[in-house]
Every structure is written in C-alpha cells, then in structure tokens.
Amino acid sequence: MLDLDMGKYAAFVWPAWGISALVLATLAARAVLAARRWRAELKRLETARPVGD
C-alpha cells in the first residue's frame, strides 16, 4: 500500500509537491500555447508569399 504519511515533515513536503506540480503544469501550458502561436505564425508566413518568389 502507498504510505503518504510524512509525519512532522508533512507541513513542508506537501506544499513543496503542490508548488512543483503547479510549476510543471504552468510550464506545460505555456509550451502548448507557444507551439500554437508558432504554428499560426508559420501558417501566416506560408500563405503571405508564394514559394518561389
């Protein structure tokens, strides 16, 4: 079974886990949003000028 009891350190461990999860989720969301912006910019640039000009 999973033992999640941190004893006297729980007040430090659980917030650290929470902050870490929040930071990782924020970084992942920012990466996805940036990829969408880059994709939209690429599409805009590709349609702005025909290839070969």
PDB file of N, CA and C in Angstrom:
ATOM      1  N   MET A   1       0.848  -1.182   0.000  1.00  0.00           N
ATOM      2  CA  MET A   1       0.000   0.000   0.000  1.00  0.00           C
ATOM      3  C   MET A   1       0.888   1.238   0.000  1.00  0.00           C
ATOM      4  N   LEU A   2       0.370   2.303  -0.503  1.00  0.00           N
ATOM      5  CA  LEU A   2       1.085   3.569  -0.605  1.00  0.00           C
ATOM      6  C   LEU A   2       1.061   4.291   0.736  1.00  0.00           C
ATOM      7  N   ASP A   3       2.234   4.607   1.265  1.00  0.00           N
ATOM      8  CA  ASP A   3       2.335   5.286   2.563  1.00  0.00           C
ATOM      9  C   ASP A   3       2.590   6.769   2.316  1.00  0.00           C
ATOM     10  N   LEU A   4       1.578   7.604   2.539  1.00  0.00           N
ATOM     11  CA  LEU A   4       1.685   9.031   2.290  1.00  0.00           C
ATOM     12  C   LEU A   4       1.857   9.851   3.568  1.00  0.00           C
ATOM     13  N   ASP A   5       2.063   9.191   4.693  1.00  0.00           N
ATOM     14  CA  ASP A   5       2.238   9.890   5.960  1.00  0.00           C
ATOM     15  C   ASP A   5       3.669  10.427   6.034  1.00  0.00           C
ATOM     16  N   MET A   6       3.793  11.725   6.104  1.00  0.00           N
ATOM     17  CA  MET A   6       5.107  12.357   6.151  1.00  0.00           C
ATOM     18  C   MET A   6       5.507  12.750   7.570  1.00  0.00           C
ATOM     19  N   GLY A   7       4.655  12.455   8.526  1.00  0.00           N
ATOM     20  CA  GLY A   7       4.976  12.772   9.918  1.00  0.00           C
ATOM     21  C   GLY A   7       5.117  14.266  10.141  1.00  0.00           C
ATOM     22  N   LYS A   8       6.134  14.626  10.895  1.00  0.00           N
ATOM     23  CA  LYS A   8       6.317  16.038  11.243  1.00  0.00           C
ATOM     24  C   LYS A   8       6.781  16.883  10.061  1.00  0.00           C
ATOM     25  N   TYR A   9       7.168  16.251   8.960  1.00  0.00           N
ATOM     26  CA  TYR A   9       7.632  16.986   7.779  1.00  0.00           C
ATOM     27  C   TYR A   9       6.524  17.275   6.774  1.00  0.00           C
ATOM     28  N   ALA A  10       5.315  16.813   7.050  1.00  0.00           N
ATOM     29  CA  ALA A  10       4.204  16.969   6.108  1.00  0.00           C
ATOM     30  C   ALA A  10       3.938  18.432   5.774  1.00  0.00           C
ATOM     31  N   ALA A  11       4.105  19.326   6.745  1.00  0.00           N
ATOM     32  CA  ALA A  11       3.850  20.747   6.517  1.00  0.00           C
ATOM     33  C   ALA A  11       4.821  21.335   5.490  1.00  0.00           C
ATOM     34  N   PHE A  12       5.941  20.696   5.259  1.00  0.00           N
ATOM     35  CA  PHE A  12       6.915  21.174   4.281  1.00  0.00           C
ATOM     36  C   PHE A  12       6.860  20.374   2.981  1.00  0.00           C
ATOM     37  N   VAL A  13       6.628  19.071   3.100  1.00  0.00           N
ATOM     38  CA  VAL A  13       6.666  18.194   1.927  1.00  0.00           C
ATOM     39  C   VAL A  13       5.465  18.413   1.011  1.00  0.00           C
ATOM     40  N   TRP A  14       4.248  18.426   1.556  1.00  0.00           N
ATOM     41  CA  TRP A  14       3.067  18.546   0.714  1.00  0.00           C
ATOM     42  C   TRP A  14       2.987  19.877  -0.024  1.00  0.00           C
ATOM     43  N   PRO A  15       3.275  20.996   0.608  1.00  0.00           N
ATOM     44  CA  PRO A  15       3.298  22.243  -0.176  1.00  0.00           C
ATOM     45  C   PRO A  15       4.376  22.232  -1.263  1.00  0.00           C
ATOM     46  N   ALA A  16       5.514  21.611  -0.981  1.00  0.00           N
ATOM     47  CA  ALA A  16       6.568  21.528  -1.989  1.00  0.00           C
ATOM     48  C   ALA A  16       6.086  20.717  -3.191  1.00  0.00           C
ATOM     49  N   TRP A  17       5.397  19.611  -2.933  1.00  0.00           N
ATOM     50  CA  TRP A  17       4.834  18.810  -4.028  1.00  0.00           C
ATOM     51  C   TRP A  17       3.815  19.635  -4.808  1.00  0.00           C
ATOM     52  N   GLY A  18       2.957  20.355  -4.104  1.00  0.00           N
ATOM     53  CA  GLY A  18       1.934  21.172  -4.750  1.00  0.00           C
ATOM     54  C   GLY A  18       2.531  22.269  -5.613  1.00  0.00           C
ATOM     55  N   ILE A  19       3.529  22.964  -5.088  1.00  0.00           N
ATOM     56  CA  ILE A  19       4.183  24.030  -5.851  1.00  0.00           C
ATOM     57  C   ILE A  19       4.875  23.445  -7.074  1.00  0.00           C
ATOM     58  N   SER A  20       5.533  22.317  -6.907  1.00  0.00           N
ATOM     59  CA  SER A  20       6.207  21.668  -8.034  1.00  0.00           C
ATOM     60  C   SER A  20       5.212  21.274  -9.117  1.00  0.00           C
ATOM     61  N   ALA A  21       4.085  20.710  -8.725  1.00  0.00           N
ATOM     62  CA  ALA A  21       3.058  20.312  -9.694  1.00  0.00           C
ATOM     63  C   ALA A  21       2.500  21.540 -10.412  1.00  0.00           C
ATOM     64  N   LEU A  22       2.291  22.624  -9.681  1.00  0.00           N
ATOM     65  CA  LEU A  22       1.783  23.857 -10.277  1.00  0.00           C
ATOM     66  C   LEU A  22       2.778  24.429 -11.286  1.00  0.00           C
ATOM     67  N   VAL A  23       4.050  24.435 -10.939  1.00  0.00           N
ATOM     68  CA  VAL A  23       5.081  24.951 -11.844  1.00  0.00           C
ATOM     69  C   VAL A  23       5.163  24.086 -13.103  1.00  0.00           C
ATOM     70  N   LEU A  24       5.151  22.776 -12.952  1.00  0.00           N
ATOM     71  CA  LEU A  24       5.217  21.885 -14.117  1.00  0.00           C
ATOM     72  C   LEU A  24       3.997  22.048 -15.017  1.00  0.00           C
ATOM     73  N   ALA A  25       2.815  22.185 -14.427  1.00  0.00           N
ATOM     74  CA  ALA A  25       1.600  22.382 -15.219  1.00  0.00           C
ATOM     75  C   ALA A  25       1.654  23.710 -15.961  1.00  0.00           C
ATOM     76  N   THR A  26       2.157  24.750 -15.308  1.00  0.00           N
ATOM     77  CA  THR A  26       2.286  26.058 -15.949  1.00  0.00           C
ATOM     78  C   THR A  26       3.264  26.001 -17.117  1.00  0.00           C
ATOM     79  N   LEU A  27       4.392  25.346 -16.925  1.00  0.00           N
ATOM     80  CA  LEU A  27       5.369  25.225 -17.997  1.00  0.00           C
ATOM     81  C   LEU A  27       4.805  24.446 -19.184  1.00  0.00           C
ATOM     82  N   ALA A  28       4.076  23.386 -18.910  1.00  0.00           N
ATOM     83  CA  ALA A  28       3.478  22.596 -19.982  1.00  0.00           C
ATOM     84  C   ALA A  28       2.441  23.420 -20.743  1.00  0.00           C
ATOM     85  N   ALA A  29       1.616  24.173 -20.028  1.00  0.00           N
ATOM     86  CA  ALA A  29       0.599  25.009 -20.670  1.00  0.00           C
ATOM     87  C   ALA A  29       1.248  26.096 -21.525  1.00  0.00           C
ATOM     88  N   ARG A  30       2.294  26.716 -21.008  1.00  0.00           N
ATOM     89  CA  ARG A  30       2.993  27.749 -21.784  1.00  0.00           C
ATOM     90  C   ARG A  30       3.625  27.168 -23.044  1.00  0.00           C
ATOM     91  N   ALA A  31       4.161  25.962 -22.957  1.00  0.00           N
ATOM     92  CA  ALA A  31       4.760  25.316 -24.126  1.00  0.00           C
ATOM     93  C   ALA A  31       3.700  25.023 -25.187  1.00  0.00           C
ATOM     94  N   VAL A  32       2.543  24.554 -24.766  1.00  0.00           N
ATOM     95  CA  VAL A  32       1.460  24.260 -25.710  1.00  0.00           C
ATOM     96  C   VAL A  32       0.980  25.549 -26.373  1.00  0.00           C
ATOM     97  N   LEU A  33       0.803  26.600 -25.593  1.00  0.00           N
ATOM     98  CA  LEU A  33       0.359  27.876 -26.153  1.00  0.00           C
ATOM     99  C   LEU A  33       1.397  28.456 -27.119  1.00  0.00           C
ATOM    100  N   ALA A  34       2.654  28.351 -26.771  1.00  0.00           N
ATOM    101  CA  ALA A  34       3.716  28.848 -27.651  1.00  0.00           C
ATOM    102  C   ALA A  34       3.734  28.058 -28.960  1.00  0.00           C
ATOM    103  N   ALA A  35       3.565  26.756 -28.882  1.00  0.00           N
ATOM    104  CA  ALA A  35       3.543  25.925 -30.092  1.00  0.00           C
ATOM    105  C   ALA A  35       2.379  26.317 -30.989  1.00  0.00           C
ATOM    106  N   ARG A  36       1.235  26.616 -30.407  1.00  0.00           N
ATOM    107  CA  ARG A  36       0.088  27.052 -31.199  1.00  0.00           C
ATOM    108  C   ARG A  36       0.368  28.384 -31.883  1.00  0.00           C
ATOM    109  N   ARG A  37       0.991  29.307 -31.153  1.00  0.00           N
ATOM    110  CA  ARG A  37       1.333  30.603 -31.743  1.00  0.00           C
ATOM    111  C   ARG A  37       2.332  30.435 -32.881  1.00  0.00           C
ATOM    112  N   TRP A  38       3.344  29.592 -32.676  1.00  0.00           N
ATOM    113  CA  TRP A  38       4.349  29.356 -33.715  1.00  0.00           C
ATOM    114  C   TRP A  38       3.717  28.734 -34.955  1.00  0.00           C
ATOM    115  N   ARG A  39       2.811  27.794 -34.729  1.00  0.00           N
ATOM    116  CA  ARG A  39       2.136  27.132 -35.852  1.00  0.00           C
ATOM    117  C   ARG A  39       1.297  28.151 -36.635  1.00  0.00           C
ATOM    118  N   ALA A  40       0.588  29.022 -35.915  1.00  0.00           N
ATOM    119  CA  ALA A  40      -0.223  30.045 -36.573  1.00  0.00           C
ATOM    120  C   ALA A  40       0.667  31.029 -37.333  1.00  0.00           C
ATOM    121  N   GLU A  41       1.788  31.404 -36.762  1.00  0.00           N
ATOM    122  CA  GLU A  41       2.716  32.312 -37.434  1.00  0.00           C
ATOM    123  C   GLU A  41       3.307  31.664 -38.685  1.00  0.00           C
ATOM    124  N   LEU A  42       3.660  30.400 -38.599  1.00  0.00           N
ATOM    125  CA  LEU A  42       4.178  29.688 -39.761  1.00  0.00           C
ATOM    126  C   LEU A  42       3.139  29.637 -40.871  1.00  0.00           C
ATOM    127  N   LYS A  43       1.910  29.327 -40.503  1.00  0.00           N
ATOM    128  CA  LYS A  43       0.838  29.280 -41.497  1.00  0.00           C
ATOM    129  C   LYS A  43       0.642  30.649 -42.136  1.00  0.00           C
ATOM    130  N   ARG A  44       0.685  31.705 -41.335  1.00  0.00           N
ATOM    131  CA  ARG A  44       0.537  33.053 -41.854  1.00  0.00           C
ATOM    132  C   ARG A  44       1.675  33.394 -42.824  1.00  0.00           C
ATOM    133  N   LEU A  45       2.885  33.049 -42.456  1.00  0.00           N
ATOM    134  CA  LEU A  45       4.031  33.333 -43.314  1.00  0.00           C
ATOM    135  C   LEU A  45       4.000  32.525 -44.613  1.00  0.00           C
ATOM    136  N   GLU A  46       3.541  31.275 -44.525  1.00  0.00           N
ATOM    137  CA  GLU A  46       3.476  30.429 -45.718  1.00  0.00           C
ATOM    138  C   GLU A  46       2.413  30.913 -46.692  1.00  0.00           C
ATOM    139  N   THR A  47       1.336  31.473 -46.200  1.00  0.00           N
ATOM    140  CA  THR A  47       0.269  31.943 -47.076  1.00  0.00           C
ATOM    141  C   THR A  47       0.483  33.391 -47.521  1.00  0.00           C
ATOM    142  N   ALA A  48       1.386  34.104 -46.885  1.00  0.00           N
ATOM    143  CA  ALA A  48       1.611  35.507 -47.227  1.00  0.00           C
ATOM    144  C   ALA A  48       2.344  35.661 -48.552  1.00  0.00           C
ATOM    145  N   ARG A  49       3.242  34.756 -48.854  1.00  0.00           N
ATOM    146  CA  ARG A  49       4.037  34.878 -50.070  1.00  0.00           C
ATOM    147  C   ARG A  49       4.180  33.506 -50.710  1.00  0.00           C
ATOM    148  N   PRO A  50       3.859  33.390 -51.956  1.00  0.00           N
ATOM    149  CA  PRO A  50       4.007  32.085 -52.632  1.00  0.00           C
ATOM    150  C   PRO A  50       5.471  31.647 -52.680  1.00  0.00           C
ATOM    151  N   VAL A  51       5.678  30.351 -52.645  1.00  0.00           N
ATOM    152  CA  VAL A  51       7.034  29.791 -52.713  1.00  0.00           C
ATOM    153  C   VAL A  51       7.582  30.016 -54.111  1.00  0.00           C
ATOM    154  N   GLY A  52       8.849  30.419 -54.192  1.00  0.00           N
ATOM    155  CA  GLY A  52       9.498  30.604 -55.471  1.00  0.00           C
ATOM    156  C   GLY A  52       9.627  32.062 -55.860  1.00  0.00           C
ATOM    157  N   ASP A  53       9.105  32.962 -55.086  1.00  0.00           N
ATOM    158  CA  ASP A  53       9.245  34.405 -55.378  1.00  0.00           C
ATOM    159  C   ASP A  53      10.502  34.960 -54.808  1.00  0.00           C
TER     160      ASP A  53
END
